[in-house]
């Protein structure tokens, strides 16, 4: 059995989205011929939402190594809070030790902290151990330079991070033996940017989901409800996850539809409740609701509640379990692939999905079914998008199920997008990256 080093700077008990691919795959790596070893940053040195209960979903026999990081109290006065920067020297040193001690055959870097790929290149140069990169997001992006794009977040910090990406992406990526991506567009962008990319094996492997996680959420929250129901006639629509700079386009279309629906059915103001849960990457108790201004513009603020801080992964699943319907909002970034997509589908609730035409999210949902699609964006009139939202709300609130929705292809969900299948797809790419026929690395 080959040894696989999984580099995921954030790890349990943190509940960050970028650790979930590794966590969900752990029960299946060995059946595919790979013995997994984890390398992460000491959780005490990582900001974020802690969810100790998530440890119950991780096999107890997985070896976990931790590295250190400079405390934020040292780097924050300089305006540098990046986890990758704070941890890089220690990650580099500890990684070399783990590769030697565990006799690692392949390194898999699965994180949005892209400086970890720079460490992987150095490890490969020193030890000869190859590495594969997981593109959960693009490192170097021109999205915010596109016409109509929102202003980039973070001011000078964004420009600093952008400078690092443009300086280090090719150096860090060019020695990788393979690439996994949540979206084909990320691979296409690398292919158009670098001539050498055509030599590398690559695979599109979306984020998965597990019914075991829903069982764990039910056990953890047994006897406790996320949704407080006062009236038995209430209908609760739930959105879980962050609202990034790109998503308010879809939020406006959604609130417009709510307004249209309530103008025709004013009595439903007493019953319809809309929850946005974990909308920002902030710690518990910090931050303030930011969607209320948009809700007020459309006169629906009395229906909306927002939890602005990040919530735990299992807590978000509990919200999904208790919801009457789920809201999924796409992005004008056509490559966007939300990590919650397959947990939403597995929750078995009616899904209202606002998607940008020709986006990867639209393609996935057309393939799997299971959602009512409403298109929005520059080529779609806001009133038209709102009408699709209003139709969905009418159907859900009336409980008559008159709206025509595509049926979820449950066989496809398990055979192609089930977690065992997704792990097998990863491992097939790992094997290709170790093939003796692999072309020489020219850069």
Protein backbone atom coordinates (compact mmCIF):
# COMPACT_ATOMS: atom_id res chain seq x y z
CA UNK A 1 0.00 0.00 0.00
CA UNK A 2 1.43 3.37 -1.05
CA UNK A 3 1.78 6.20 1.48
CA UNK A 4 -0.17 9.40 0.79
CA UNK A 5 0.63 12.64 2.63
CA UNK A 6 -2.48 14.83 2.77
CA UNK A 7 -1.54 18.47 3.33
CA UNK A 8 -4.55 20.33 4.76
CA UNK A 9 -3.46 23.29 6.94
CA UNK A 10 -6.89 23.53 8.58
CA UNK A 11 -8.01 20.33 10.23
CA UNK A 12 -10.52 18.98 12.72
CA UNK A 13 -11.74 20.32 15.15
CA UNK A 14 -11.98 23.21 12.68
CA UNK A 15 -14.93 23.03 10.30
CA UNK A 16 -13.53 25.01 7.35
CA UNK A 17 -14.78 24.14 3.84
CA UNK A 18 -11.28 23.48 2.46
CA UNK A 19 -10.64 20.50 4.76
CA UNK A 20 -13.82 18.65 3.84
CA UNK A 21 -12.53 16.84 0.75
CA UNK A 22 -9.81 15.15 2.79
CA UNK A 23 -12.10 14.44 5.75
CA UNK A 24 -14.79 12.86 3.59
CA UNK A 25 -12.26 10.76 1.65
CA UNK A 26 -10.37 9.32 4.63
CA UNK A 27 -12.57 6.21 5.08
CA UNK A 28 -11.96 5.19 1.44
CA UNK A 29 -8.28 5.83 0.64
CA UNK A 30 -7.08 2.46 1.92
CA UNK A 31 -9.61 0.53 -0.14
CA UNK A 32 -8.09 2.30 -3.16
CA UNK A 33 -4.55 1.27 -2.19
CA UNK A 34 -3.36 4.41 -0.37
CA UNK A 35 -2.44 4.71 3.30
CA UNK A 36 -3.25 8.32 4.34
CA UNK A 37 -1.18 10.53 6.65
CA UNK A 38 -2.33 14.06 7.61
CA UNK A 39 -0.13 17.15 7.87
CA UNK A 40 -1.90 20.21 9.29
CA UNK A 41 -1.22 23.33 11.34
CA UNK A 42 -1.73 23.14 15.09
CA UNK A 43 -5.47 23.92 15.44
CA UNK A 44 -4.78 26.20 18.41
CA UNK A 45 -2.93 28.55 16.03
CA UNK A 46 -5.69 28.66 13.41
CA UNK A 47 -8.60 31.08 13.55
CA UNK A 48 -12.05 29.78 12.73
CA UNK A 49 -15.10 27.95 13.98
CA UNK A 50 -14.33 24.93 16.17
CA UNK A 51 -16.58 21.88 16.11
CA UNK A 52 -15.04 19.12 18.27
CA UNK A 53 -17.93 16.78 17.39
CA UNK A 54 -16.58 16.60 13.83
CA UNK A 55 -13.84 14.30 15.15
CA UNK A 56 -16.45 11.52 15.42
CA UNK A 57 -16.56 11.39 11.60
CA UNK A 58 -12.79 10.79 11.24
CA UNK A 59 -11.31 7.27 11.47
CA UNK A 60 -9.36 6.94 14.78
CA UNK A 61 -6.29 5.27 13.22
CA UNK A 62 -5.22 8.12 10.94
CA UNK A 63 -1.79 9.51 11.79
CA UNK A 64 -1.84 13.30 12.13
CA UNK A 65 1.28 15.51 12.23
CA UNK A 66 1.07 19.20 13.12
CA UNK A 67 3.34 22.14 12.42
CA UNK A 68 3.50 25.53 14.07
CA UNK A 69 2.68 29.06 12.89
CA UNK A 70 3.58 32.55 13.99
CA UNK A 71 0.89 33.91 16.35
CA UNK A 72 -1.44 36.44 14.76
CA UNK A 73 -0.64 38.83 17.63
CA UNK A 74 2.83 39.12 16.05
CA UNK A 75 1.76 39.47 12.43
CA UNK A 76 -1.52 41.39 12.72
CA UNK A 77 0.21 44.75 13.45
CA UNK A 78 1.91 44.30 10.06
CA UNK A 79 -1.44 43.60 8.44
CA UNK A 80 -0.43 40.01 7.64
CA UNK A 81 -2.92 37.45 8.88
CA UNK A 82 -2.47 34.87 6.10
CA UNK A 83 -2.29 31.38 7.59
CA UNK A 84 -0.05 30.20 4.75
CA UNK A 85 2.48 32.96 5.40
CA UNK A 86 2.45 32.50 9.17
CA UNK A 87 3.02 28.76 8.94
CA UNK A 88 5.29 28.45 5.89
CA UNK A 89 8.70 27.97 7.60
CA UNK A 90 7.37 25.37 10.03
CA UNK A 91 5.29 23.63 7.34
CA UNK A 92 8.38 23.32 5.17
CA UNK A 93 10.50 21.82 7.96
CA UNK A 94 7.89 19.44 9.40
CA UNK A 95 6.81 18.29 5.95
CA UNK A 96 10.36 17.20 5.10
CA UNK A 97 10.55 15.23 8.34
CA UNK A 98 7.19 13.51 7.76
CA UNK A 99 8.06 12.58 4.17
CA UNK A 100 11.27 10.92 5.37
CA UNK A 101 9.80 9.27 8.47
CA UNK A 102 6.65 7.91 6.79
CA UNK A 103 8.36 7.00 3.49
CA UNK A 104 5.75 8.99 1.57
CA UNK A 105 5.11 8.06 -2.08
CA UNK A 106 2.93 11.03 -3.03
CA UNK A 107 1.92 14.40 -1.56
CA UNK A 108 -1.64 15.70 -2.10
CA UNK A 109 -2.08 19.40 -1.29
CA UNK A 110 -5.79 20.03 -0.65
CA UNK A 111 -6.36 23.55 0.66
CA UNK A 112 -7.10 27.13 -0.31
CA UNK A 113 -3.82 28.16 1.40
CA UNK A 114 -1.87 28.01 -1.84
CA UNK A 115 1.53 28.69 -0.29
CA UNK A 116 1.37 25.03 0.77
CA UNK A 117 1.92 24.19 -2.91
CA UNK A 118 5.16 26.18 -2.78
CA UNK A 119 6.25 24.01 0.16
CA UNK A 120 5.33 20.89 -1.84
CA UNK A 121 7.58 22.01 -4.69
CA UNK A 122 10.53 22.42 -2.30
CA UNK A 123 9.85 19.00 -0.77
CA UNK A 124 9.81 17.49 -4.26
CA UNK A 125 13.11 19.17 -5.19
CA UNK A 126 14.79 17.93 -2.01
CA UNK A 127 13.28 14.43 -1.70
CA UNK A 128 12.08 13.59 -5.21
CA UNK A 129 8.58 12.80 -3.88
CA UNK A 130 5.97 13.99 -6.41
CA UNK A 131 2.93 16.08 -5.53
CA UNK A 132 -0.61 16.64 -6.79
CA UNK A 133 -2.56 19.89 -6.32
CA UNK A 134 -6.26 20.23 -5.48
CA UNK A 135 -7.73 23.40 -7.04
CA UNK A 136 -10.65 24.19 -4.76
CA UNK A 137 -10.40 27.84 -5.85
CA UNK A 138 -8.13 29.58 -8.35
CA UNK A 139 -4.95 31.04 -6.90
CA UNK A 140 -4.32 33.55 -9.66
CA UNK A 141 -7.60 35.04 -10.88
CA UNK A 142 -8.73 37.87 -13.15
CA UNK A 143 -12.35 37.67 -11.99
CA UNK A 144 -12.34 41.07 -10.28
CA UNK A 145 -10.87 42.68 -13.41
CA UNK A 146 -13.81 41.55 -15.58
CA UNK A 147 -16.48 44.09 -16.66
CA UNK A 148 -19.32 44.25 -14.14
CA UNK A 149 -17.38 42.39 -11.42
CA UNK A 150 -17.65 43.68 -7.83
CA UNK A 151 -14.77 45.49 -6.19
CA UNK A 152 -12.23 43.05 -4.76
CA UNK A 153 -12.35 42.65 -0.98
CA UNK A 154 -9.52 43.56 1.36
CA UNK A 155 -8.03 46.68 -0.21
CA UNK A 156 -4.21 46.58 -0.21
CA UNK A 157 -4.25 43.11 1.36
CA UNK A 158 -6.00 41.81 -1.76
CA UNK A 159 -3.36 43.48 -3.93
CA UNK A 160 -0.59 41.94 -1.78
CA UNK A 161 -2.15 38.46 -2.06
CA UNK A 162 -2.63 38.99 -5.80
CA UNK A 163 1.05 39.87 -6.15
CA UNK A 164 2.08 36.66 -4.38
CA UNK A 165 -0.23 34.61 -6.62
CA UNK A 166 1.12 36.12 -9.82
CA UNK A 167 4.71 35.69 -8.60
CA UNK A 168 4.52 32.13 -7.27
CA UNK A 169 1.75 30.26 -9.09
CA UNK A 170 3.76 28.98 -12.04
CA UNK A 171 6.84 28.18 -9.93
CA UNK A 172 4.71 26.25 -7.41
CA UNK A 173 2.48 24.48 -9.95
CA UNK A 174 4.95 23.69 -12.71
CA UNK A 175 6.56 20.71 -10.92
CA UNK A 176 3.23 19.17 -9.86
CA UNK A 177 2.60 15.72 -11.29
CA UNK A 178 -1.16 16.20 -11.52
CA UNK A 179 -4.13 18.42 -10.76
CA UNK A 180 -7.58 17.83 -9.32
CA UNK A 181 -10.16 20.61 -9.63
CA UNK A 182 -13.73 21.20 -8.50
CA UNK A 183 -14.42 22.94 -11.84
CA UNK A 184 -13.22 22.28 -15.40
CA UNK A 185 -12.82 26.02 -15.91
CA UNK A 186 -9.92 26.21 -13.44
CA UNK A 187 -8.08 23.57 -15.46
CA UNK A 188 -8.91 25.37 -18.72
CA UNK A 189 -7.49 28.61 -17.32
CA UNK A 190 -4.21 26.92 -16.37
CA UNK A 191 -4.07 25.28 -19.80
CA UNK A 192 -4.48 28.63 -21.54
CA UNK A 193 -1.86 30.25 -19.30
CA UNK A 194 0.92 27.62 -19.30
CA UNK A 195 2.07 25.52 -22.26
CA UNK A 196 3.46 22.83 -19.95
CA UNK A 197 0.03 22.17 -18.39
CA UNK A 198 -1.00 19.89 -21.26
CA UNK A 199 1.65 17.40 -20.09
CA UNK A 200 -0.02 16.93 -16.69
CA UNK A 201 -2.78 14.48 -15.80
CA UNK A 202 -5.86 16.27 -14.48
CA UNK A 203 -9.36 15.39 -13.29
CA UNK A 204 -12.51 17.25 -12.31
CA UNK A 205 -13.66 15.89 -8.95
CA UNK A 206 -16.41 17.88 -7.20
CA UNK A 207 -16.89 18.13 -3.46
CA UNK A 208 -18.89 15.23 -2.09
CA UNK A 209 -21.19 14.49 0.78
CA UNK A 210 -21.92 11.64 3.16
CA UNK A 211 -25.12 10.35 4.72
CA UNK A 212 -22.97 9.48 7.76
CA UNK A 213 -22.50 13.22 8.35
CA UNK A 214 -26.27 13.72 8.52
CA UNK A 215 -26.46 10.85 11.01
CA UNK A 216 -23.71 12.49 13.08
CA UNK A 217 -25.56 15.82 13.01
CA UNK A 218 -28.74 14.11 14.19
CA UNK A 219 -26.87 12.54 17.12
CA UNK A 220 -25.02 15.72 18.11
CA UNK A 221 -28.17 17.85 17.99
CA UNK A 222 -30.56 15.24 19.36
CA UNK A 223 -33.24 17.06 21.35
CA UNK A 224 -32.08 20.48 20.13
CA UNK A 225 -33.62 22.38 17.25
CA UNK A 226 -31.86 24.86 15.00
CA UNK A 227 -35.20 26.24 13.80
CA UNK A 228 -37.67 27.56 16.35
CA UNK A 229 -41.19 27.04 15.05
CA UNK A 230 -43.94 29.15 16.63
CA UNK A 231 -46.76 28.44 14.21
CA UNK A 232 -47.33 25.01 12.61
CA UNK A 233 -48.05 26.76 9.32
CA UNK A 234 -44.58 28.30 9.09
CA UNK A 235 -42.40 27.52 6.08
CA UNK A 236 -38.65 27.88 6.68
CA UNK A 237 -36.29 28.44 3.75
CA UNK A 238 -32.60 28.04 4.66
CA UNK A 239 -29.33 29.13 3.07
CA UNK A 240 -26.11 27.90 4.71
CA UNK A 241 -22.65 29.25 3.94
CA UNK A 242 -20.76 32.43 3.23
CA UNK A 243 -22.03 35.23 1.01
CA UNK A 244 -18.97 36.29 -0.94
CA UNK A 245 -18.58 39.47 -3.01
CA UNK A 246 -20.00 37.75 -6.11
CA UNK A 247 -23.14 36.26 -4.58
CA UNK A 248 -25.24 39.41 -3.90
CA UNK A 249 -26.19 39.40 -7.60
CA UNK A 250 -28.23 36.27 -6.90
CA UNK A 251 -29.43 37.53 -3.54
CA UNK A 252 -31.02 40.55 -5.26
CA UNK A 253 -32.83 38.25 -7.69
CA UNK A 254 -34.05 36.14 -4.77
CA UNK A 255 -35.38 39.08 -2.74
CA UNK A 256 -37.03 40.47 -5.87
CA UNK A 257 -38.87 37.16 -6.23
CA UNK A 258 -39.89 37.23 -2.58
CA UNK A 259 -41.34 40.69 -3.12
CA UNK A 260 -43.31 39.53 -6.17
CA UNK A 261 -44.67 36.53 -4.29
CA UNK A 262 -45.78 38.54 -1.24
CA UNK A 263 -47.50 41.14 -3.41
CA UNK A 264 -49.73 38.34 -4.72
CA UNK A 265 -49.99 36.45 -1.41
CA UNK A 266 -49.70 39.04 1.39
CA UNK A 267 -51.10 36.57 3.95
CA UNK A 268 -47.90 34.51 3.66
CA UNK A 269 -45.92 37.18 5.50
CA UNK A 270 -47.15 35.46 8.65
CA UNK A 271 -45.73 32.09 7.59
CA UNK A 272 -42.65 32.46 5.36
CA UNK A 273 -39.31 32.58 7.21
CA UNK A 274 -35.91 32.90 5.52
CA UNK A 275 -32.65 32.05 7.30
CA UNK A 276 -29.11 32.88 6.14
CA UNK A 277 -26.72 30.88 8.32
CA UNK A 278 -22.95 31.45 8.60
CA UNK A 279 -22.74 34.21 6.00
CA UNK A 280 -19.21 35.44 6.82
CA UNK A 281 -15.84 33.95 7.77
CA UNK A 282 -15.95 35.38 11.28
CA UNK A 283 -15.67 33.81 14.69
CA UNK A 284 -18.72 33.17 16.83
CA UNK A 285 -20.20 36.32 18.32
CA UNK A 286 -18.49 38.71 15.88
CA UNK A 287 -19.81 40.52 12.84
CA UNK A 288 -23.18 42.02 12.10
CA UNK A 289 -25.90 41.11 9.58
CA UNK A 290 -25.21 42.62 6.15
CA UNK A 291 -28.07 41.22 4.09
CA UNK A 292 -30.75 43.26 5.86
CA UNK A 293 -30.10 46.34 3.73
CA UNK A 294 -30.86 44.36 0.57
CA UNK A 295 -33.89 42.76 2.25
CA UNK A 296 -35.20 46.22 3.21
CA UNK A 297 -34.90 47.45 -0.38
CA UNK A 298 -37.40 44.78 -1.38
CA UNK A 299 -39.58 45.09 1.73
CA UNK A 300 -38.93 41.57 3.05
CA UNK A 301 -36.71 42.32 6.06
CA UNK A 302 -39.35 41.05 8.52
CA UNK A 303 -39.03 37.57 7.01
CA UNK A 304 -35.23 37.37 7.17
CA UNK A 305 -32.84 36.32 9.93
CA UNK A 306 -29.08 36.19 9.47
CA UNK A 307 -26.35 34.49 11.49
CA UNK A 308 -23.26 36.36 10.27
CA UNK A 309 -20.57 34.27 11.97
CA UNK A 310 -19.29 30.95 10.67
CA UNK A 311 -21.13 27.91 12.04
CA UNK A 312 -19.89 24.35 12.36
CA UNK A 313 -20.27 21.87 9.52
CA UNK A 314 -22.58 19.56 11.48
CA UNK A 315 -24.60 22.55 12.65
CA UNK A 316 -25.12 23.61 9.05
CA UNK A 317 -26.33 20.09 8.25
CA UNK A 318 -28.80 20.32 11.13
CA UNK A 319 -30.22 23.51 9.63
CA UNK A 320 -30.57 21.68 6.31
CA UNK A 321 -32.27 18.71 7.99
CA UNK A 322 -34.87 20.94 9.66
CA UNK A 323 -35.56 23.25 6.71
CA UNK A 324 -38.69 23.01 4.61
CA UNK A 325 -36.71 24.13 1.55
CA UNK A 326 -33.13 25.13 0.74
CA UNK A 327 -31.72 28.12 -1.13
CA UNK A 328 -28.64 27.75 -3.34
CA UNK A 329 -27.15 30.89 -4.90
CA UNK A 330 -24.71 30.80 -7.79
CA UNK A 331 -22.17 33.36 -8.91
CA UNK A 332 -21.27 35.32 -12.06
CA UNK A 333 -17.92 33.54 -11.69
CA UNK A 334 -18.85 30.76 -14.12
CA UNK A 335 -16.38 28.32 -12.54
CA UNK A 336 -18.00 28.57 -9.09
CA UNK A 337 -18.80 25.17 -7.58
CA UNK A 338 -20.29 25.45 -4.08
CA UNK A 339 -19.01 22.86 -1.63
CA UNK A 340 -22.51 22.46 -0.15
CA UNK A 341 -24.13 21.35 -3.42
CA UNK A 342 -24.14 17.61 -2.77
CA UNK A 343 -25.06 17.94 0.90
CA UNK A 344 -28.07 19.96 -0.25
CA UNK A 345 -29.04 17.22 -2.70
CA UNK A 346 -28.56 14.54 -0.06
CA UNK A 347 -30.74 16.47 2.42
CA UNK A 348 -33.75 15.56 0.28
CA UNK A 349 -35.47 18.96 0.53
CA UNK A 350 -36.90 21.15 -2.25
CA UNK A 351 -34.05 23.30 -3.57
CA UNK A 352 -34.34 26.74 -5.15
CA UNK A 353 -31.14 27.22 -7.16
CA UNK A 354 -30.34 30.63 -8.64
CA UNK A 355 -27.73 30.00 -11.32
CA UNK A 356 -25.82 32.09 -13.82
CA UNK A 357 -26.40 30.92 -17.44
CA UNK A 358 -23.64 28.66 -18.78
CA UNK A 359 -22.08 28.28 -15.33
CA UNK A 360 -20.56 25.07 -14.00
CA UNK A 361 -23.22 25.01 -11.27
CA UNK A 362 -25.99 25.09 -13.89
CA UNK A 363 -24.34 22.19 -15.74
CA UNK A 364 -24.04 20.08 -12.57
CA UNK A 365 -27.68 20.63 -11.57
CA UNK A 366 -28.95 19.89 -15.06
CA UNK A 367 -27.06 16.60 -14.84
CA UNK A 368 -28.15 15.54 -11.35
CA UNK A 369 -31.63 17.08 -11.21
CA UNK A 370 -33.19 17.71 -7.82
CA UNK A 371 -33.52 21.51 -7.94
CA UNK A 372 -35.78 24.22 -9.34
CA UNK A 373 -33.44 26.32 -11.52
CA UNK A 374 -33.87 30.07 -11.79
CA UNK A 375 -31.41 31.85 -14.06
CA UNK A 376 -30.16 35.33 -13.25
CA UNK A 377 -27.49 37.71 -14.49
CA UNK A 378 -26.83 40.42 -17.05
CA UNK A 379 -28.62 38.53 -19.84
CA UNK A 380 -31.72 37.83 -17.70
CA UNK A 381 -34.19 40.50 -16.62
CA UNK A 382 -34.51 40.79 -12.85
CA UNK A 383 -38.30 40.58 -13.11
CA UNK A 384 -38.02 37.30 -14.99
CA UNK A 385 -35.70 35.81 -12.36
CA UNK A 386 -38.02 37.05 -9.63
CA UNK A 387 -40.97 35.35 -11.31
CA UNK A 388 -39.19 31.98 -11.13
CA UNK A 389 -38.48 32.54 -7.42
CA UNK A 390 -42.12 33.50 -6.81
CA UNK A 391 -43.35 30.32 -8.51
CA UNK A 392 -41.11 28.20 -6.28
CA UNK A 393 -42.27 29.97 -3.11
CA UNK A 394 -45.90 29.55 -4.13
CA UNK A 395 -45.37 25.83 -4.55
CA UNK A 396 -43.50 25.35 -1.28
CA UNK A 397 -45.82 27.52 0.81
CA UNK A 398 -49.00 25.98 -0.59
CA UNK A 399 -47.67 22.43 -0.07
CA UNK A 400 -49.46 21.48 -3.31
CA UNK A 401 -46.32 20.46 -5.24
CA UNK A 402 -47.71 21.79 -8.50
CA UNK A 403 -44.41 23.20 -9.75
CA UNK A 404 -42.59 21.00 -12.25
CA UNK A 405 -39.14 20.18 -10.92
CA UNK A 406 -36.52 17.88 -12.32
CA UNK A 407 -36.28 14.71 -10.27
CA UNK A 408 -33.04 13.98 -8.47
CA UNK A 409 -31.12 11.14 -10.12
CA UNK A 410 -30.26 9.26 -6.92
CA UNK A 411 -28.44 6.50 -8.76
CA UNK A 412 -26.14 9.08 -10.37
CA UNK A 413 -25.73 10.82 -7.01
CA UNK A 414 -24.32 7.63 -5.49
CA UNK A 415 -22.47 6.03 -8.41
CA UNK A 416 -20.73 9.13 -9.72
CA UNK A 417 -20.96 11.69 -6.93
CA UNK A 418 -21.00 9.42 -3.87
CA UNK A 419 -17.97 9.84 -1.65
CA UNK A 420 -16.53 6.38 -2.38
CA UNK A 421 -16.68 7.14 -6.10
CA UNK A 422 -15.14 10.58 -5.70
CA UNK A 423 -12.26 9.14 -3.66
CA UNK A 424 -11.70 6.48 -6.32
CA UNK A 425 -11.51 9.26 -8.93
CA UNK A 426 -8.85 11.02 -6.86
CA UNK A 427 -6.82 7.84 -6.49
CA UNK A 428 -7.03 7.09 -10.22
CA UNK A 429 -5.41 10.48 -10.81
CA UNK A 430 -2.76 9.68 -8.18
CA UNK A 431 -1.88 6.48 -10.04
CA UNK A 432 -1.64 8.33 -13.36
CA UNK A 433 0.67 10.90 -11.78
CA UNK A 434 3.06 8.10 -10.74
CA UNK A 435 3.02 6.38 -14.12
CA UNK A 436 6.49 5.54 -15.50
CA UNK A 437 5.28 6.95 -18.86
CA UNK A 438 4.87 10.37 -17.26
CA UNK A 439 6.48 12.95 -19.59
CA UNK A 440 9.56 14.81 -18.31
CA UNK A 441 8.94 18.00 -16.34
CA UNK A 442 10.28 20.65 -18.72
CA UNK A 443 9.87 23.96 -16.77
